[in-house]
Amino acid sequence: MVIRFALIGMVLSGCFYTDEINQRPSLDIQQVSSATVYRGDQIVLRAVANDPENNFVFFSWRAYACTDDGSVDFADCDQAPFPGGEGSNDKFQFDVPIRRLDIDDVPTAVLVLLEGQDEYGATARPVQQLVVGVSDHPPDLTMRKDSRYGYVQDTPVNIFASVGDPDDGPQDVTLMWEVFSPTSNPPYELVDLVVTPDGDLTHDTFGKTFTPKGLGTWEIRVTATDHLGTATTQSEMMIVTPDQPPCLSQLSPLVAVAPSALPISEPTLFQVLVVTDDLNPYPAVPDDPFLQIAATFTWSIKPPGATSRQILSGITGNHVALDPANYQPGDIIELRVEVHDRIARTITCGDDASCSIASLPTCLQRQTWRVEVR
C-alpha cells in the first residue's frame, strides 16, 4: 500500500507541455486611389494585416462587377471576377470594367473580397468586403465658334461641338442645341453644318450654322447626354454688331506729314493696297458670298491754286496715276481718297486732310496726299 501511494505521488508531481495556440490574423482594406471612380478608372487598394504572433500573412483578392441597388450582395454581381480582378499581393490594383460579364449592363459598383492566411494556416475571419461605387462619366464636350465676318448681324457663324464619352465612346451621346437671344428676341436661323471627320475616333464633331437677325449678346448652349442620362452643358457667347465702316490700312506711296509735301518728278501711281472691313475688304475674297464684293473709293484732286476739290468721276478703283508733266515745278497738288462699303455713310470731318471715326480713331476713312511737283 505504501508503495502504491508513492507511485501516485510521483505521477501527480510530473510536468505537462502543450503547443501555443496560433491566433487568426485580422485584415483591413485601405483605398489608395481617388474616392470618385468611373468605369475604366484604375482602383488601387492595399491590404493591412495584423497578426498577433507577427507571422507572415498571405493575401487573396477577388473583385466582381455589380449593379448597385443600395445593398450590394452576391446576387447583384457577376459570378466570376472580371479580368484583372484577382491578386495575391498586399497592393491590389485593377481597372473598373466598362460592362458586366453576366448581363448586358454597366457596373455601378465593384465588390472586393480580401482573404488572408498566416504561414501556419490561421485564416482571417470574417472575409473583408469593400463596395466601391462606380459613377457614369459625363460626356466630354468642347465648343468653339468661327466667323469670317466679325459677328455682324445677318451673317453666318459656324458653331462646332466636339463630344466624347470616356466610358462608352461618342456613339451613344445625343446633343440638344438651344439659342438664347437678346432681350428684344430677334429672329435667327440655326441649320445643320456638315463637318468633315478629323480622324479622332474618341470624339465626334457636330456643327450648326447660326445666323443672328438682331444685335446684342447671343448664347448658343449645347447639352450632351449619354445613354445613362448623364449630361454635360457648354455655351458659346457672342456679341453681334452692325456692319462697321471700312478702314484704309495700307497706302502707297507713304503720306507726308503736313506741312511737308511728297516730291514727285515722274509719273506716280497712288493706290490703296489694303482695306479692312467686316464685309467689303480690299482686295476682295473670290467666291465668298459676302467678301467677294470689294470696297469702293472716291478720288478727288485739288489742283494748284484751286480753292475747291474736283471729283475724279468714273474712278472707283483702288488707284490713280499722277503725271507731273501736266504741272509746273513747285506746284502743290492735293490728291484725296475716301473709302466706302455697301452701307451709305457720311464722312463728317469737314475738309480735314484725314478722317477717322470718333469711336475708332485708328480707322481712317479719308487720306490726302500733299504732292510737290519737281
Protein backbone atom coordinates (compact mmCIF):
# COMPACT_ATOMS: atom_id res chain seq x y z
CA MET A 1 0.00 0.00 0.00
CA VAL A 2 2.78 2.38 0.80
CA ILE A 3 4.44 1.79 -2.49
CA ARG A 4 1.23 2.47 -4.38
CA PHE A 5 0.76 5.83 -2.71
CA ALA A 6 4.34 6.71 -3.50
CA LEU A 7 3.81 5.94 -7.18
CA ILE A 8 0.69 8.03 -7.23
CA GLY A 9 2.59 10.89 -5.69
CA MET A 10 5.23 10.59 -8.34
CA VAL A 11 2.69 10.72 -11.15
CA LEU A 12 0.92 13.71 -9.72
CA SER A 13 4.17 15.59 -9.42
CA GLY A 14 5.02 15.24 -13.21
CA CYS A 15 5.15 18.22 -15.85
CA PHE A 16 2.67 18.81 -18.76
CA TYR A 17 3.65 20.53 -22.10
CA THR A 18 1.11 22.00 -24.67
CA ASP A 19 1.65 23.92 -28.01
CA GLU A 20 0.80 27.64 -28.01
CA ILE A 21 -2.47 28.36 -29.87
CA ASN A 22 -1.86 30.17 -33.27
CA GLN A 23 -4.28 33.10 -33.38
CA ARG A 24 -6.00 34.38 -36.51
CA PRO A 25 -4.71 37.50 -38.25
CA SER A 26 -7.01 40.47 -38.74
CA LEU A 27 -7.37 42.32 -42.05
CA ASP A 28 -8.37 45.74 -43.27
CA ILE A 29 -8.71 47.29 -46.76
CA GLN A 30 -7.43 50.77 -47.50
CA GLN A 31 -8.41 52.58 -50.71
CA VAL A 32 -5.38 54.43 -52.00
CA SER A 33 -6.87 55.80 -55.23
CA SER A 34 -9.47 58.55 -55.64
CA ALA A 35 -12.78 58.16 -53.88
CA THR A 36 -14.66 59.11 -57.07
CA VAL A 37 -14.45 56.23 -59.54
CA TYR A 38 -15.70 55.96 -63.11
CA ARG A 39 -15.86 52.99 -65.42
CA GLY A 40 -12.42 52.46 -66.95
CA ASP A 41 -10.65 54.09 -64.00
CA GLN A 42 -7.93 52.32 -62.08
CA ILE A 43 -8.59 51.48 -58.43
CA VAL A 44 -5.67 50.94 -56.05
CA LEU A 45 -6.24 49.12 -52.74
CA ARG A 46 -3.89 48.00 -50.02
CA ALA A 47 -4.27 45.14 -47.56
CA VAL A 48 -3.38 45.88 -43.94
CA ALA A 49 -2.75 42.76 -41.82
CA ASN A 50 -2.26 42.44 -38.06
CA ASP A 51 -1.02 39.05 -36.87
CA PRO A 52 -0.74 38.59 -33.07
CA GLU A 53 2.38 36.46 -33.47
CA ASN A 54 3.83 38.65 -36.23
CA ASN A 55 3.59 35.79 -38.70
CA PHE A 56 3.72 36.42 -42.44
CA VAL A 57 0.24 36.73 -43.96
CA PHE A 58 -0.73 35.57 -47.46
CA PHE A 59 -3.46 37.54 -49.27
CA SER A 60 -6.11 36.64 -51.80
CA TRP A 61 -8.13 39.33 -53.62
CA ARG A 62 -11.24 38.99 -55.77
CA ALA A 63 -13.24 41.77 -57.41
CA TYR A 64 -16.68 41.46 -59.00
CA ALA A 65 -18.63 43.86 -61.21
CA CYS A 66 -22.04 44.59 -59.69
CA THR A 67 -25.21 46.57 -60.18
CA ASP A 68 -25.68 48.56 -57.01
CA ASP A 69 -29.24 48.87 -55.76
CA GLY A 70 -28.19 50.30 -52.43
CA SER A 71 -27.31 47.00 -50.73
CA VAL A 72 -24.78 45.16 -52.85
CA ASP A 73 -24.58 41.41 -52.34
CA PHE A 74 -23.56 38.48 -54.50
CA ALA A 75 -26.98 38.39 -56.18
CA ASP A 76 -26.20 41.81 -57.71
CA CYS A 77 -22.79 40.77 -59.05
CA ASP A 78 -21.21 38.63 -61.73
CA GLN A 79 -20.48 35.05 -60.74
CA ALA A 80 -16.77 35.32 -61.50
CA PRO A 81 -14.20 38.07 -61.00
CA PHE A 82 -13.71 40.24 -64.05
CA PRO A 83 -10.39 40.07 -65.96
CA GLY A 84 -7.70 41.60 -63.80
CA GLY A 85 -9.93 41.28 -60.74
CA GLU A 86 -7.74 38.81 -58.80
CA GLY A 87 -4.49 39.30 -56.91
CA SER A 88 -2.25 37.97 -54.17
CA ASN A 89 -0.07 40.90 -53.11
CA ASP A 90 -0.69 43.39 -50.37
CA LYS A 91 -1.24 46.00 -53.11
CA PHE A 92 -4.18 45.33 -55.43
CA GLN A 93 -4.92 47.46 -58.47
CA PHE A 94 -7.35 46.93 -61.32
CA ASP A 95 -9.31 48.78 -63.99
CA VAL A 96 -13.05 49.04 -63.45
CA PRO A 97 -14.75 47.17 -66.32
CA ILE A 98 -16.91 49.06 -68.79
CA ARG A 99 -19.65 46.40 -68.76
CA ARG A 100 -20.62 43.40 -66.67
CA LEU A 101 -19.85 39.84 -67.71
CA ASP A 102 -23.09 38.01 -66.88
CA ILE A 103 -25.63 40.55 -68.14
CA ASP A 104 -25.68 43.29 -70.75
CA ASP A 105 -25.45 46.14 -68.31
CA VAL A 106 -22.95 48.60 -66.88
CA PRO A 107 -21.45 48.15 -63.41
CA THR A 108 -22.43 50.71 -60.83
CA ALA A 109 -20.33 49.14 -58.07
CA VAL A 110 -17.39 46.81 -57.54
CA LEU A 111 -17.47 44.25 -54.72
CA VAL A 112 -13.98 43.50 -53.43
CA LEU A 113 -13.24 40.48 -51.17
CA LEU A 114 -9.98 40.11 -49.24
CA GLU A 115 -8.95 36.87 -47.55
CA GLY A 116 -5.79 36.22 -45.55
CA GLN A 117 -3.98 33.29 -44.01
CA ASP A 118 -0.78 33.28 -41.99
CA GLU A 119 2.10 30.92 -42.60
CA TYR A 120 0.74 28.40 -40.05
CA GLY A 121 -2.69 28.18 -41.63
CA ALA A 122 -4.69 30.50 -39.39
CA THR A 123 -7.34 32.18 -41.59
CA ALA A 124 -8.68 35.67 -41.02
CA ARG A 125 -12.39 35.83 -40.24
CA PRO A 126 -14.65 37.30 -41.49
CA VAL A 127 -13.68 37.82 -45.10
CA GLN A 128 -13.14 41.55 -45.59
CA GLN A 129 -15.52 43.24 -48.03
CA LEU A 130 -15.36 46.64 -49.70
CA VAL A 131 -18.00 48.06 -52.01
CA VAL A 132 -16.68 50.77 -54.33
CA GLY A 133 -19.36 52.87 -56.01
CA VAL A 134 -18.85 53.39 -59.75
CA SER A 135 -20.15 56.57 -61.40
CA ASP A 136 -21.09 57.17 -65.02
CA HIS A 137 -18.62 59.60 -66.52
CA PRO A 138 -20.35 62.63 -68.07
CA PRO A 139 -19.72 63.27 -71.76
CA ASP A 140 -16.67 65.29 -72.73
CA LEU A 141 -17.93 68.38 -74.58
CA THR A 142 -15.94 71.20 -76.20
CA MET A 143 -17.43 74.06 -78.19
CA ARG A 144 -15.97 76.69 -80.48
CA LYS A 145 -17.27 79.32 -82.89
CA ASP A 146 -15.89 80.62 -86.15
CA SER A 147 -16.93 83.64 -88.19
CA ARG A 148 -15.28 85.21 -91.20
CA TYR A 149 -17.44 88.30 -90.83
CA GLY A 150 -16.74 89.59 -87.34
CA TYR A 151 -20.12 88.50 -85.88
CA VAL A 152 -22.02 91.03 -87.95
CA GLN A 153 -25.80 90.98 -87.98
CA ASP A 154 -27.34 88.81 -90.75
CA THR A 155 -24.08 86.97 -91.43
CA PRO A 156 -23.46 83.28 -90.63
CA VAL A 157 -21.44 81.97 -87.69
CA ASN A 158 -20.29 78.35 -87.59
CA ILE A 159 -20.68 76.65 -84.21
CA PHE A 160 -18.89 73.36 -83.53
CA ALA A 161 -19.45 70.88 -80.70
CA SER A 162 -16.89 68.10 -80.21
CA VAL A 163 -18.22 65.32 -77.97
CA GLY A 164 -16.75 62.16 -76.49
CA ASP A 165 -17.55 59.80 -73.65
CA PRO A 166 -14.70 58.22 -71.66
CA ASP A 167 -16.96 55.34 -70.57
CA ASP A 168 -18.65 54.27 -73.80
CA GLY A 169 -17.33 56.44 -76.63
CA PRO A 170 -19.21 59.17 -78.50
CA GLN A 171 -21.60 56.98 -80.49
CA ASP A 172 -24.44 56.97 -77.92
CA VAL A 173 -24.27 60.65 -76.97
CA THR A 174 -27.13 62.90 -78.06
CA LEU A 175 -26.91 66.68 -78.40
CA MET A 176 -29.53 69.34 -77.69
CA TRP A 177 -28.95 72.82 -79.15
CA GLU A 178 -30.53 75.91 -77.63
CA VAL A 179 -30.36 79.58 -78.66
CA PHE A 180 -30.83 82.40 -76.16
CA SER A 181 -31.34 85.74 -77.85
CA PRO A 182 -31.04 89.34 -76.62
CA THR A 183 -33.96 90.86 -74.75
CA SER A 184 -35.51 92.14 -77.97
CA ASN A 185 -35.96 88.49 -79.10
CA PRO A 186 -34.90 88.97 -82.74
CA PRO A 187 -35.25 86.02 -85.13
CA TYR A 188 -32.38 83.75 -86.13
CA GLU A 189 -31.53 80.72 -88.23
CA LEU A 190 -29.86 77.54 -86.95
CA VAL A 191 -29.21 74.86 -89.56
CA ASP A 192 -27.08 71.72 -89.70
CA LEU A 193 -23.50 72.06 -90.89
CA VAL A 194 -21.65 69.13 -92.46
CA VAL A 195 -18.39 68.54 -90.58
CA THR A 196 -15.54 66.58 -92.15
CA PRO A 197 -14.24 63.85 -89.78
CA ASP A 198 -10.79 64.64 -88.39
CA GLY A 199 -9.73 61.05 -87.67
CA ASP A 200 -10.25 61.28 -83.89
CA LEU A 201 -12.08 58.05 -83.02
CA THR A 202 -12.70 59.16 -79.42
CA HIS A 203 -14.75 62.22 -80.40
CA ASP A 204 -17.43 63.17 -82.89
CA THR A 205 -17.78 66.76 -84.04
CA PHE A 206 -21.13 68.28 -84.97
CA GLY A 207 -21.82 71.70 -86.41
CA LYS A 208 -24.53 74.29 -86.90
CA THR A 209 -24.62 77.45 -88.95
CA PHE A 210 -26.14 80.21 -86.87
CA THR A 211 -27.36 83.45 -88.47
CA PRO A 212 -28.47 86.15 -85.98
CA LYS A 213 -31.02 88.64 -87.25
CA GLY A 214 -30.57 91.13 -84.42
CA LEU A 215 -27.92 92.96 -82.42
CA GLY A 216 -26.76 92.18 -78.90
CA THR A 217 -25.44 89.25 -76.89
CA TRP A 218 -26.43 85.77 -78.03
CA GLU A 219 -25.80 82.43 -76.32
CA ILE A 220 -25.62 79.07 -78.08
CA ARG A 221 -25.97 76.31 -75.49
CA VAL A 222 -25.34 72.63 -76.15
CA THR A 223 -26.22 69.78 -73.77
CA ALA A 224 -24.62 66.37 -74.41
CA THR A 225 -26.39 63.42 -72.75
CA ASP A 226 -25.17 59.82 -72.74
CA HIS A 227 -27.40 56.73 -72.79
CA LEU A 228 -27.49 56.62 -68.98
CA GLY A 229 -28.78 60.18 -68.73
CA THR A 230 -25.58 61.83 -67.51
CA ALA A 231 -25.20 65.24 -69.14
CA THR A 232 -22.65 67.98 -69.78
CA THR A 233 -23.56 71.52 -70.87
CA GLN A 234 -21.36 74.11 -72.57
CA SER A 235 -22.09 77.53 -74.09
CA GLU A 236 -20.63 79.89 -76.66
CA MET A 237 -21.37 83.60 -76.23
CA MET A 238 -21.14 86.20 -78.97
CA ILE A 239 -21.84 89.91 -79.31
CA VAL A 240 -23.50 90.61 -82.65
CA THR A 241 -22.74 94.07 -84.03
CA PRO A 242 -23.77 96.17 -87.05
CA ASP A 243 -21.53 96.29 -90.08
CA GLN A 244 -18.62 98.58 -89.18
CA PRO A 245 -17.19 101.23 -91.55
CA PRO A 246 -14.24 100.27 -93.78
CA CYS A 247 -10.71 101.35 -92.84
CA LEU A 248 -7.81 102.38 -95.06
CA SER A 249 -4.97 100.14 -93.85
CA GLN A 250 -2.10 100.32 -96.37
CA LEU A 251 -1.36 103.14 -98.83
CA SER A 252 1.34 103.71 -101.42
CA PRO A 253 3.30 105.92 -101.52
CA LEU A 254 3.53 106.95 -97.89
CA VAL A 255 1.72 110.13 -96.92
CA ALA A 256 3.92 113.08 -95.94
CA VAL A 257 3.02 114.74 -92.67
CA ALA A 258 1.77 118.31 -93.22
CA PRO A 259 3.08 120.88 -93.87
CA SER A 260 5.60 118.69 -95.70
CA ALA A 261 4.81 117.50 -99.22
CA LEU A 262 5.73 114.38 -101.18
CA PRO A 263 8.05 115.32 -104.07
CA ILE A 264 7.42 113.64 -107.43
CA SER A 265 9.34 114.08 -110.66
CA GLU A 266 7.96 111.19 -112.71
CA PRO A 267 4.54 109.55 -113.16
CA THR A 268 3.48 108.05 -109.83
CA LEU A 269 0.73 105.57 -109.01
CA PHE A 270 -1.17 106.48 -105.86
CA GLN A 271 -3.03 103.47 -104.55
CA VAL A 272 -4.80 101.82 -101.66
CA LEU A 273 -3.26 98.40 -101.07
CA VAL A 274 -5.42 97.09 -98.22
CA VAL A 275 -8.80 97.95 -96.75
CA THR A 276 -10.05 96.15 -93.66
CA ASP A 277 -13.79 95.72 -93.38
CA ASP A 278 -16.24 93.17 -91.98
CA LEU A 279 -17.92 92.50 -95.31
CA ASN A 280 -16.25 94.61 -98.04
CA PRO A 281 -12.46 94.34 -97.70
CA TYR A 282 -9.91 95.18 -100.33
CA PRO A 283 -8.74 93.04 -102.03
CA ALA A 284 -11.99 91.07 -102.20
CA VAL A 285 -12.18 87.35 -101.44
CA PRO A 286 -13.34 85.47 -104.55
CA ASP A 287 -16.24 83.01 -104.25
CA ASP A 288 -17.18 84.20 -100.78
CA PRO A 289 -20.88 85.19 -100.63
CA PHE A 290 -20.08 88.33 -98.63
CA LEU A 291 -16.38 89.15 -99.06
CA GLN A 292 -16.40 88.87 -102.86
CA ILE A 293 -17.68 92.46 -103.10
CA ALA A 294 -14.75 94.81 -102.57
CA ALA A 295 -14.74 98.25 -101.01
CA THR A 296 -15.05 101.20 -103.38
CA PHE A 297 -13.24 104.53 -103.48
CA THR A 298 -13.90 108.17 -104.24
CA TRP A 299 -10.92 110.14 -105.56
CA SER A 300 -10.69 113.92 -105.73
CA ILE A 301 -7.95 116.40 -106.61
CA LYS A 302 -7.22 120.00 -105.67
CA PRO A 303 -5.10 121.44 -108.45
CA PRO A 304 -2.53 124.18 -107.85
CA GLY A 305 -4.16 127.47 -106.90
CA ALA A 306 -7.68 125.97 -106.74
CA THR A 307 -9.98 126.69 -103.83
CA SER A 308 -12.10 123.57 -104.17
CA ARG A 309 -11.65 119.92 -104.96
CA GLN A 310 -12.66 118.21 -108.15
CA ILE A 311 -14.15 114.72 -108.03
CA LEU A 312 -12.41 112.32 -110.41
CA SER A 313 -15.63 110.95 -111.76
CA GLY A 314 -15.75 107.40 -113.00
CA ILE A 315 -12.78 106.30 -110.89
CA THR A 316 -13.89 103.94 -108.10
CA GLY A 317 -10.93 101.59 -108.14
CA ASN A 318 -8.02 101.50 -105.74
CA HIS A 319 -5.53 103.67 -107.68
CA VAL A 320 -4.96 106.92 -109.54
CA ALA A 321 -1.90 107.87 -111.63
CA LEU A 322 -0.48 111.39 -111.34
CA ASP A 323 1.86 112.70 -114.04
CA PRO A 324 3.98 115.74 -113.02
CA ALA A 325 4.42 116.62 -116.68
CA ASN A 326 0.93 118.12 -116.55
CA TYR A 327 2.06 120.70 -113.96
CA GLN A 328 4.79 123.22 -113.28
CA PRO A 329 7.75 122.60 -110.98
CA GLY A 330 6.91 123.81 -107.49
CA ASP A 331 3.16 123.22 -107.92
CA ILE A 332 1.38 121.79 -104.86
CA ILE A 333 -1.34 119.25 -105.58
CA GLU A 334 -3.66 117.56 -103.08
CA LEU A 335 -4.89 114.08 -104.04
CA ARG A 336 -7.55 112.58 -101.75
CA VAL A 337 -9.10 109.15 -101.40
CA GLU A 338 -12.17 108.14 -99.39
CA VAL A 339 -13.31 104.53 -98.85
CA HIS A 340 -16.87 103.14 -98.83
CA ASP A 341 -18.57 99.80 -98.19
CA ARG A 342 -22.08 98.58 -99.00
CA ILE A 343 -23.68 100.93 -96.47
CA ALA A 344 -24.01 104.61 -97.48
CA ARG A 345 -22.17 106.61 -94.80
CA THR A 346 -21.42 110.29 -94.46
CA ILE A 347 -17.87 111.29 -93.60
CA THR A 348 -18.26 114.02 -91.01
CA CYS A 349 -14.77 115.53 -90.70
CA GLY A 350 -15.27 118.64 -92.79
CA ASP A 351 -12.39 119.30 -95.18
CA ASP A 352 -9.71 117.74 -92.96
CA ALA A 353 -6.85 116.02 -94.77
CA SER A 354 -7.65 112.76 -92.99
CA CYS A 355 -10.73 111.49 -91.24
CA SER A 356 -11.37 108.70 -88.78
CA ILE A 357 -14.39 107.60 -86.80
CA ALA A 358 -14.60 109.14 -83.35
CA SER A 359 -15.17 105.72 -81.74
CA LEU A 360 -12.40 104.14 -83.86
CA PRO A 361 -9.57 106.69 -84.05
CA THR A 362 -7.27 104.27 -85.88
CA CYS A 363 -9.83 103.61 -88.64
CA LEU A 364 -9.06 106.04 -91.47
CA GLN A 365 -11.86 106.67 -93.96
CA ARG A 366 -10.11 109.50 -95.74
CA GLN A 367 -6.49 110.26 -96.55
CA THR A 368 -4.91 113.11 -98.51
CA TRP A 369 -1.52 113.19 -100.24
CA ARG A 370 0.09 116.65 -100.42
CA VAL A 371 2.35 116.45 -103.50
CA GLU A 372 5.02 118.84 -104.77
CA VAL A 373 5.99 118.71 -108.44
CA ARG A 374 9.75 118.68 -109.03
